[in-house]
């Protein structure tokens, strides 16, 4: 019985069904944000939401039945259990805001779709490598903010009046949001202000931020390489098992054939 359940939940059709239910549930939760749709189809939307939740719970229980203690060893299973567990939090009284957490079920696509799972795994793998880059970026922001307060604090207190304000302004500049307007405003009193901003943008946007991309790409390549090696090992193990079975059959036939 357990083997049959395992074959069902690991089949491609079952995975497609779960993906369809996740997408459908995410769509119904989005429709609920419309007051008109909620007033007209509120009952149907709530029923669809509960049906999807029961299907997720049934899938989770089936995995626990098949995998037993191995269920907790897979972090993606734990992730699914936490996401589904949010749906059972009380939503009455002061905790009604927790009802919005139901939309987290859409994140289950990450654990179901292999390509998304690979991307998230690569991002998590790249976190240690990003630490040094984050420290470098923070150092650049701090130094540039202190310089900005010293140079332009009196001329533009709205942007560089104090250190927190300067840090926020430089973060805005780093994202590329309205940095030219800030620069042109400062250039009215400081003609060379463009040098400060151009150097900052070049260092942060074109150097430091690209380092993040390089680390993530490297982690994704490493993740894909490990996955390919794991598939090769599984294929080799299957081939070795088949050879052992064939060798056993040959020995059995040799013992039965009279000399």
C-alpha atoms as a PDB file:
ATOM      1  CA  UNK A   1       0.000   0.000   0.000  1.00  0.00           C
ATOM      2  CA  UNK A   2       2.769   2.424   0.921  1.00  0.00           C
ATOM      3  CA  UNK A   3       4.543   1.681  -2.364  1.00  0.00           C
ATOM      4  CA  UNK A   4       1.396   2.471  -4.336  1.00  0.00           C
ATOM      5  CA  UNK A   5       0.959   5.787  -2.555  1.00  0.00           C
ATOM      6  CA  UNK A   6       4.610   6.585  -3.224  1.00  0.00           C
ATOM      7  CA  UNK A   7       4.217   5.901  -6.938  1.00  0.00           C
ATOM      8  CA  UNK A   8       1.168   8.159  -7.063  1.00  0.00           C
ATOM      9  CA  UNK A   9       2.660  11.184  -5.255  1.00  0.00           C
ATOM     10  CA  UNK A  10       5.919  10.925  -7.188  1.00  0.00           C
ATOM     11  CA  UNK A  11       4.251  10.602 -10.584  1.00  0.00           C
ATOM     12  CA  UNK A  12       4.453  13.448 -13.067  1.00  0.00           C
ATOM     13  CA  UNK A  13       0.664  13.690 -13.411  1.00  0.00           C
ATOM     14  CA  UNK A  14       0.239  14.152  -9.672  1.00  0.00           C
ATOM     15  CA  UNK A  15       2.840  16.921  -9.676  1.00  0.00           C
ATOM     16  CA  UNK A  16       0.999  18.661 -12.507  1.00  0.00           C
ATOM     17  CA  UNK A  17      -2.248  18.416 -10.531  1.00  0.00           C
ATOM     18  CA  UNK A  18      -0.625  19.971  -7.464  1.00  0.00           C
ATOM     19  CA  UNK A  19       0.862  22.775  -9.582  1.00  0.00           C
ATOM     20  CA  UNK A  20      -2.567  23.412 -11.073  1.00  0.00           C
ATOM     21  CA  UNK A  21      -4.177  23.534  -7.625  1.00  0.00           C
ATOM     22  CA  UNK A  22      -1.514  25.977  -6.375  1.00  0.00           C
ATOM     23  CA  UNK A  23      -2.000  28.282  -9.366  1.00  0.00           C
ATOM     24  CA  UNK A  24      -5.794  28.050  -9.054  1.00  0.00           C
ATOM     25  CA  UNK A  25      -5.664  28.784  -5.322  1.00  0.00           C
ATOM     26  CA  UNK A  26      -3.361  31.762  -5.886  1.00  0.00           C
ATOM     27  CA  UNK A  27      -5.797  33.093  -8.509  1.00  0.00           C
ATOM     28  CA  UNK A  28      -8.800  32.764  -6.167  1.00  0.00           C
ATOM     29  CA  UNK A  29      -6.932  34.562  -3.390  1.00  0.00           C
ATOM     30  CA  UNK A  30      -6.165  37.359  -5.829  1.00  0.00           C
ATOM     31  CA  UNK A  31      -9.812  37.589  -6.905  1.00  0.00           C
ATOM     32  CA  UNK A  32     -10.802  37.946  -3.243  1.00  0.00           C
ATOM     33  CA  UNK A  33      -9.024  41.311  -3.174  1.00  0.00           C
ATOM     34  CA  UNK A  34     -11.809  42.693  -5.383  1.00  0.00           C
ATOM     35  CA  UNK A  35     -14.783  43.868  -3.314  1.00  0.00           C
ATOM     36  CA  UNK A  36     -17.190  43.371  -6.231  1.00  0.00           C
ATOM     37  CA  UNK A  37     -15.981  39.825  -6.950  1.00  0.00           C
ATOM     38  CA  UNK A  38     -16.075  38.975  -3.242  1.00  0.00           C
ATOM     39  CA  UNK A  39     -19.632  40.242  -2.918  1.00  0.00           C
ATOM     40  CA  UNK A  40     -20.790  38.246  -5.931  1.00  0.00           C
ATOM     41  CA  UNK A  41     -18.731  35.066  -5.690  1.00  0.00           C
ATOM     42  CA  UNK A  42     -17.660  35.131  -2.039  1.00  0.00           C
ATOM     43  CA  UNK A  43     -19.133  31.738  -1.157  1.00  0.00           C
ATOM     44  CA  UNK A  44     -17.645  29.999  -4.185  1.00  0.00           C
ATOM     45  CA  UNK A  45     -14.246  31.555  -3.526  1.00  0.00           C
ATOM     46  CA  UNK A  46     -14.244  30.414   0.105  1.00  0.00           C
ATOM     47  CA  UNK A  47     -15.265  26.898  -0.937  1.00  0.00           C
ATOM     48  CA  UNK A  48     -12.486  26.781  -3.546  1.00  0.00           C
ATOM     49  CA  UNK A  49     -10.011  28.015  -0.949  1.00  0.00           C
ATOM     50  CA  UNK A  50     -10.981  25.280   1.518  1.00  0.00           C
ATOM     51  CA  UNK A  51     -10.915  22.573  -1.161  1.00  0.00           C
ATOM     52  CA  UNK A  52      -7.400  23.599  -2.163  1.00  0.00           C
ATOM     53  CA  UNK A  53      -6.328  23.596   1.488  1.00  0.00           C
ATOM     54  CA  UNK A  54      -7.720  20.090   2.039  1.00  0.00           C
ATOM     55  CA  UNK A  55      -5.903  18.849  -1.067  1.00  0.00           C
ATOM     56  CA  UNK A  56      -2.633  20.299   0.245  1.00  0.00           C
ATOM     57  CA  UNK A  57      -3.176  18.655   3.617  1.00  0.00           C
ATOM     58  CA  UNK A  58      -3.955  15.320   1.943  1.00  0.00           C
ATOM     59  CA  UNK A  59      -0.757  15.582  -0.094  1.00  0.00           C
ATOM     60  CA  UNK A  60       1.234  16.401   3.039  1.00  0.00           C
ATOM     61  CA  UNK A  61      -0.234  13.457   4.960  1.00  0.00           C
ATOM     62  CA  UNK A  62       0.500  11.146   2.034  1.00  0.00           C
ATOM     63  CA  UNK A  63       4.144  12.239   2.043  1.00  0.00           C
ATOM     64  CA  UNK A  64       4.371  11.668   5.802  1.00  0.00           C
ATOM     65  CA  UNK A  65       2.820   8.211   5.361  1.00  0.00           C
ATOM     66  CA  UNK A  66       5.318   7.271   2.656  1.00  0.00           C
ATOM     67  CA  UNK A  67       8.498   8.914   3.952  1.00  0.00           C
ATOM     68  CA  UNK A  68       7.911   8.677   7.730  1.00  0.00           C
ATOM     69  CA  UNK A  69      10.905  10.170   9.542  1.00  0.00           C
ATOM     70  CA  UNK A  70      12.595  10.968   6.217  1.00  0.00           C
ATOM     71  CA  UNK A  71       9.896  13.597   5.740  1.00  0.00           C
ATOM     72  CA  UNK A  72      11.603  15.920   8.240  1.00  0.00           C
ATOM     73  CA  UNK A  73      15.006  15.472   6.637  1.00  0.00           C
ATOM     74  CA  UNK A  74      13.890  17.188   3.449  1.00  0.00           C
ATOM     75  CA  UNK A  75      13.857  20.984   4.005  1.00  0.00           C
ATOM     76  CA  UNK A  76      11.322  21.444   1.207  1.00  0.00           C
ATOM     77  CA  UNK A  77       8.857  19.204   3.063  1.00  0.00           C
ATOM     78  CA  UNK A  78       9.328  21.314   6.181  1.00  0.00           C
ATOM     79  CA  UNK A  79       8.811  24.431   4.057  1.00  0.00           C
ATOM     80  CA  UNK A  80       5.512  23.038   2.725  1.00  0.00           C
ATOM     81  CA  UNK A  81       4.367  22.077   6.217  1.00  0.00           C
ATOM     82  CA  UNK A  82       5.043  25.588   7.536  1.00  0.00           C
ATOM     83  CA  UNK A  83       3.251  27.231   4.613  1.00  0.00           C
ATOM     84  CA  UNK A  84       0.196  25.010   5.069  1.00  0.00           C
ATOM     85  CA  UNK A  85       0.336  25.472   8.831  1.00  0.00           C
ATOM     86  CA  UNK A  86      -0.156  29.231   8.391  1.00  0.00           C
ATOM     87  CA  UNK A  87      -3.598  28.483   6.940  1.00  0.00           C
ATOM     88  CA  UNK A  88      -4.753  27.002  10.255  1.00  0.00           C
ATOM     89  CA  UNK A  89      -3.808  30.024  12.351  1.00  0.00           C
ATOM     90  CA  UNK A  90      -6.785  31.720  14.042  1.00  0.00           C
ATOM     91  CA  UNK A  91      -8.167  34.563  11.954  1.00  0.00           C
ATOM     92  CA  UNK A  92     -10.717  35.965  14.366  1.00  0.00           C
ATOM     93  CA  UNK A  93     -10.477  39.015  16.585  1.00  0.00           C
ATOM     94  CA  UNK A  94      -7.137  40.788  16.732  1.00  0.00           C
ATOM     95  CA  UNK A  95      -5.487  38.034  14.677  1.00  0.00           C
ATOM     96  CA  UNK A  96      -7.624  38.636  11.584  1.00  0.00           C
ATOM     97  CA  UNK A  97      -4.547  40.060   9.829  1.00  0.00           C
ATOM     98  CA  UNK A  98      -3.132  36.527   9.747  1.00  0.00           C
ATOM     99  CA  UNK A  99      -5.786  35.656   7.169  1.00  0.00           C
ATOM    100  CA  UNK A 100      -3.627  37.471   4.611  1.00  0.00           C
ATOM    101  CA  UNK A 101      -0.933  34.841   5.172  1.00  0.00           C
ATOM    102  CA  UNK A 102      -2.999  32.365   3.164  1.00  0.00           C
ATOM    103  CA  UNK A 103      -1.477  33.812   0.012  1.00  0.00           C
ATOM    104  CA  UNK A 104       1.816  32.259   1.122  1.00  0.00           C
ATOM    105  CA  UNK A 105       0.497  28.998  -0.325  1.00  0.00           C
ATOM    106  CA  UNK A 106       1.460  30.355  -3.745  1.00  0.00           C
ATOM    107  CA  UNK A 107       5.079  30.003  -2.604  1.00  0.00           C
ATOM    108  CA  UNK A 108       4.606  26.243  -2.728  1.00  0.00           C
ATOM    109  CA  UNK A 109       5.346  26.499  -6.433  1.00  0.00           C
ATOM    110  CA  UNK A 110       8.968  26.903  -5.367  1.00  0.00           C
ATOM    111  CA  UNK A 111       9.058  23.453  -3.783  1.00  0.00           C
ATOM    112  CA  UNK A 112       7.015  21.771  -6.518  1.00  0.00           C
ATOM    113  CA  UNK A 113       8.669  23.139  -9.675  1.00  0.00           C
ATOM    114  CA  UNK A 114      12.249  21.773  -9.952  1.00  0.00           C
ATOM    115  CA  UNK A 115      13.607  24.807 -11.815  1.00  0.00           C
ATOM    116  CA  UNK A 116      12.353  27.212  -9.137  1.00  0.00           C
ATOM    117  CA  UNK A 117      13.697  24.936  -6.425  1.00  0.00           C
ATOM    118  CA  UNK A 118      17.091  24.982  -8.132  1.00  0.00           C
ATOM    119  CA  UNK A 119      17.132  28.783  -8.266  1.00  0.00           C
ATOM    120  CA  UNK A 120      16.240  29.152  -4.576  1.00  0.00           C
ATOM    121  CA  UNK A 121      18.818  26.541  -3.587  1.00  0.00           C
ATOM    122  CA  UNK A 122      21.439  28.446  -5.551  1.00  0.00           C
ATOM    123  CA  UNK A 123      20.466  31.699  -3.834  1.00  0.00           C
ATOM    124  CA  UNK A 124      20.760  30.084  -0.411  1.00  0.00           C
ATOM    125  CA  UNK A 125      24.112  28.614  -1.389  1.00  0.00           C
ATOM    126  CA  UNK A 126      25.309  32.051  -2.484  1.00  0.00           C
ATOM    127  CA  UNK A 127      24.433  33.710   0.848  1.00  0.00           C
ATOM    128  CA  UNK A 128      27.872  33.088   2.453  1.00  0.00           C
ATOM    129  CA  UNK A 129      29.603  34.554  -0.581  1.00  0.00           C
ATOM    130  CA  UNK A 130      27.345  37.599  -0.480  1.00  0.00           C
ATOM    131  CA  UNK A 131      28.314  38.462   3.092  1.00  0.00           C
ATOM    132  CA  UNK A 132      31.613  40.049   2.103  1.00  0.00           C
ATOM    133  CA  UNK A 133      29.925  41.965  -0.714  1.00  0.00           C
ATOM    134  CA  UNK A 134      27.245  43.278   1.672  1.00  0.00           C
ATOM    135  CA  UNK A 135      29.966  44.453   4.052  1.00  0.00           C
ATOM    136  CA  UNK A 136      31.778  46.142   1.158  1.00  0.00           C
ATOM    137  CA  UNK A 137      28.576  47.817  -0.025  1.00  0.00           C
ATOM    138  CA  UNK A 138      27.788  49.006   3.493  1.00  0.00           C
ATOM    139  CA  UNK A 139      31.283  50.420   3.856  1.00  0.00           C
ATOM    140  CA  UNK A 140      30.996  52.293   0.552  1.00  0.00           C
ATOM    141  CA  UNK A 141      27.587  53.681   1.527  1.00  0.00           C
ATOM    142  CA  UNK A 142      28.845  54.803   4.935  1.00  0.00           C
ATOM    143  CA  UNK A 143      31.935  56.535   3.574  1.00  0.00           C
ATOM    144  CA  UNK A 144      29.958  58.229   0.793  1.00  0.00           C
ATOM    145  CA  UNK A 145      27.242  59.311   3.249  1.00  0.00           C
ATOM    146  CA  UNK A 146      29.749  60.903   5.635  1.00  0.00           C
ATOM    147  CA  UNK A 147      31.384  62.690   2.701  1.00  0.00           C
ATOM    148  CA  UNK A 148      27.976  63.839   1.457  1.00  0.00           C
ATOM    149  CA  UNK A 149      27.048  65.322   4.841  1.00  0.00           C
ATOM    150  CA  UNK A 150      30.384  67.136   5.050  1.00  0.00           C
ATOM    151  CA  UNK A 151      30.230  68.445   1.486  1.00  0.00           C
ATOM    152  CA  UNK A 152      26.534  69.105   0.859  1.00  0.00           C
ATOM    153  CA  UNK A 153      24.807  69.075   4.249  1.00  0.00           C
ATOM    154  CA  UNK A 154      24.467  72.845   4.439  1.00  0.00           C
ATOM    155  CA  UNK A 155      23.462  73.298   0.795  1.00  0.00           C
ATOM    156  CA  UNK A 156      20.904  70.462   0.695  1.00  0.00           C
ATOM    157  CA  UNK A 157      19.640  69.500   4.172  1.00  0.00           C
ATOM    158  CA  UNK A 158      16.710  67.577   2.664  1.00  0.00           C
ATOM    159  CA  UNK A 159      19.123  65.102   1.083  1.00  0.00           C
ATOM    160  CA  UNK A 160      22.292  65.344   3.175  1.00  0.00           C
ATOM    161  CA  UNK A 161      21.242  67.095   6.391  1.00  0.00           C
ATOM    162  CA  UNK A 162      22.406  64.229   8.638  1.00  0.00           C
ATOM    163  CA  UNK A 163      23.874  60.744   8.338  1.00  0.00           C
ATOM    164  CA  UNK A 164      20.584  58.732   8.219  1.00  0.00           C
ATOM    165  CA  UNK A 165      19.158  61.117   5.602  1.00  0.00           C
ATOM    166  CA  UNK A 166      22.323  60.876   3.531  1.00  0.00           C
ATOM    167  CA  UNK A 167      22.298  57.067   3.744  1.00  0.00           C
ATOM    168  CA  UNK A 168      18.713  56.959   2.482  1.00  0.00           C
ATOM    169  CA  UNK A 169      19.505  59.422  -0.303  1.00  0.00           C
ATOM    170  CA  UNK A 170      22.491  57.387  -1.457  1.00  0.00           C
ATOM    171  CA  UNK A 171      20.452  54.190  -1.330  1.00  0.00           C
ATOM    172  CA  UNK A 172      17.900  55.897  -3.579  1.00  0.00           C
ATOM    173  CA  UNK A 173      20.693  56.985  -5.903  1.00  0.00           C
ATOM    174  CA  UNK A 174      22.057  53.436  -5.937  1.00  0.00           C
ATOM    175  CA  UNK A 175      18.695  52.119  -7.165  1.00  0.00           C
ATOM    176  CA  UNK A 176      18.735  54.701  -9.970  1.00  0.00           C
ATOM    177  CA  UNK A 177      15.572  56.428  -8.736  1.00  0.00           C
ATOM    178  CA  UNK A 178      15.763  60.157  -9.485  1.00  0.00           C
ATOM    179  CA  UNK A 179      19.495  60.445  -8.969  1.00  0.00           C
ATOM    180  CA  UNK A 180      19.864  62.896 -11.847  1.00  0.00           C
ATOM    181  CA  UNK A 181      17.335  65.286 -10.255  1.00  0.00           C
ATOM    182  CA  UNK A 182      19.234  65.200  -6.961  1.00  0.00           C
ATOM    183  CA  UNK A 183      22.507  65.804  -8.771  1.00  0.00           C
ATOM    184  CA  UNK A 184      21.185  68.722 -10.844  1.00  0.00           C
ATOM    185  CA  UNK A 185      19.723  70.365  -7.745  1.00  0.00           C
ATOM    186  CA  UNK A 186      23.071  70.191  -5.952  1.00  0.00           C
ATOM    187  CA  UNK A 187      24.944  71.410  -9.029  1.00  0.00           C
ATOM    188  CA  UNK A 188      23.153  74.759  -8.715  1.00  0.00           C
ATOM    189  CA  UNK A 189      25.319  75.513  -5.674  1.00  0.00           C
ATOM    190  CA  UNK A 190      28.147  73.005  -6.182  1.00  0.00           C
ATOM    191  CA  UNK A 191      29.137  72.730  -9.835  1.00  0.00           C
ATOM    192  CA  UNK A 192      31.388  69.709  -9.208  1.00  0.00           C
ATOM    193  CA  UNK A 193      28.730  67.658  -7.393  1.00  0.00           C
ATOM    194  CA  UNK A 194      28.314  65.502 -10.480  1.00  0.00           C
ATOM    195  CA  UNK A 195      31.763  63.991  -9.876  1.00  0.00           C
ATOM    196  CA  UNK A 196      30.673  62.746  -6.450  1.00  0.00           C
ATOM    197  CA  UNK A 197      27.488  61.131  -7.783  1.00  0.00           C
ATOM    198  CA  UNK A 198      29.014  59.663 -10.939  1.00  0.00           C
ATOM    199  CA  UNK A 199      31.814  58.004  -8.963  1.00  0.00           C
ATOM    200  CA  UNK A 200      29.313  56.672  -6.418  1.00  0.00           C
ATOM    201  CA  UNK A 201      27.014  55.267  -9.110  1.00  0.00           C
ATOM    202  CA  UNK A 202      29.924  53.662 -10.949  1.00  0.00           C
ATOM    203  CA  UNK A 203      31.269  52.020  -7.800  1.00  0.00           C
ATOM    204  CA  UNK A 204      27.939  50.812  -6.381  1.00  0.00           C
ATOM    205  CA  UNK A 205      25.793  50.069  -9.409  1.00  0.00           C
ATOM    206  CA  UNK A 206      28.335  48.893 -11.950  1.00  0.00           C
ATOM    207  CA  UNK A 207      30.844  47.204  -9.642  1.00  0.00           C
ATOM    208  CA  UNK A 208      29.438  46.123  -6.291  1.00  0.00           C
ATOM    209  CA  UNK A 209      25.958  45.146  -7.496  1.00  0.00           C
ATOM    210  CA  UNK A 210      27.437  43.198 -10.403  1.00  0.00           C
ATOM    211  CA  UNK A 211      29.444  41.240  -7.862  1.00  0.00           C
ATOM    212  CA  UNK A 212      26.131  40.019  -6.421  1.00  0.00           C
ATOM    213  CA  UNK A 213      25.106  38.786  -9.853  1.00  0.00           C
ATOM    214  CA  UNK A 214      28.450  37.044 -10.337  1.00  0.00           C
ATOM    215  CA  UNK A 215      28.139  35.227  -6.992  1.00  0.00           C
ATOM    216  CA  UNK A 216      24.564  34.108  -7.734  1.00  0.00           C
ATOM    217  CA  UNK A 217      25.428  32.901 -11.240  1.00  0.00           C
ATOM    218  CA  UNK A 218      28.411  30.980  -9.881  1.00  0.00           C
ATOM    219  CA  UNK A 219      26.215  29.369  -7.214  1.00  0.00           C
ATOM    220  CA  UNK A 220      23.606  28.381  -9.820  1.00  0.00           C
ATOM    221  CA  UNK A 221      26.269  26.783 -11.993  1.00  0.00           C
ATOM    222  CA  UNK A 222      27.594  24.872  -8.991  1.00  0.00           C
ATOM    223  CA  UNK A 223      24.072  23.751  -8.066  1.00  0.00           C
ATOM    224  CA  UNK A 224      23.409  22.554 -11.608  1.00  0.00           C
ATOM    225  CA  UNK A 225      26.759  20.754 -11.678  1.00  0.00           C
ATOM    226  CA  UNK A 226      25.981  18.942  -8.422  1.00  0.00           C
ATOM    227  CA  UNK A 227      22.537  17.995  -9.695  1.00  0.00           C
ATOM    228  CA  UNK A 228      24.030  16.586 -12.900  1.00  0.00           C
ATOM    229  CA  UNK A 229      26.594  14.608 -10.910  1.00  0.00           C
ATOM    230  CA  UNK A 230      23.853  13.239  -8.674  1.00  0.00           C
ATOM    231  CA  UNK A 231      21.839  12.126 -11.702  1.00  0.00           C
ATOM    232  CA  UNK A 232      24.931  10.455 -13.142  1.00  0.00           C
ATOM    233  CA  UNK A 233      25.558   8.637  -9.858  1.00  0.00           C
ATOM    234  CA  UNK A 234      21.964   7.415  -9.729  1.00  0.00           C
ATOM    235  CA  UNK A 235      22.204   6.149 -13.310  1.00  0.00           C
ATOM    236  CA  UNK A 236      25.477   4.354 -12.554  1.00  0.00           C
ATOM    237  CA  UNK A 237      23.941   2.772  -9.467  1.00  0.00           C
ATOM    238  CA  UNK A 238      20.993   1.518 -11.515  1.00  0.00           C
ATOM    239  CA  UNK A 239      23.342   0.133 -14.165  1.00  0.00           C
ATOM    240  CA  UNK A 240      25.408  -1.614 -11.481  1.00  0.00           C
ATOM    241  CA  UNK A 241      22.243  -3.093  -9.973  1.00  0.00           C
ATOM    242  CA  UNK A 242      21.106  -4.351 -13.395  1.00  0.00           C
ATOM    243  CA  UNK A 243      24.513  -5.927 -14.022  1.00  0.00           C
ATOM    244  CA  UNK A 244      24.357  -7.656 -10.662  1.00  0.00           C
ATOM    245  CA  UNK A 245      20.897  -9.024 -11.475  1.00  0.00           C
ATOM    246  CA  UNK A 246      22.051 -10.235 -14.889  1.00  0.00           C
ATOM    247  CA  UNK A 247      25.105 -11.863 -13.314  1.00  0.00           C
ATOM    248  CA  UNK A 248      22.845 -13.554 -10.776  1.00  0.00           C
ATOM    249  CA  UNK A 249      20.542 -14.848 -13.523  1.00  0.00           C
ATOM    250  CA  UNK A 250      23.519 -16.194 -15.477  1.00  0.00           C
ATOM    251  CA  UNK A 251      24.823 -18.014 -12.415  1.00  0.00           C
ATOM    252  CA  UNK A 252      21.360 -19.426 -11.754  1.00  0.00           C
ATOM    253  CA  UNK A 253      21.009 -20.646 -15.351  1.00  0.00           C
ATOM    254  CA  UNK A 254      24.524 -22.108 -15.249  1.00  0.00           C
ATOM    255  CA  UNK A 255      23.640 -24.105 -12.148  1.00  0.00           C
ATOM    256  CA  UNK A 256      20.452 -25.469 -13.719  1.00  0.00           C
ATOM    257  CA  UNK A 257      21.966 -26.431 -17.073  1.00  0.00           C
ATOM    258  CA  UNK A 258      23.376 -30.015 -16.830  1.00  0.00           C
ATOM    259  CA  UNK A 259      27.016 -30.389 -17.696  1.00  0.00           C
END
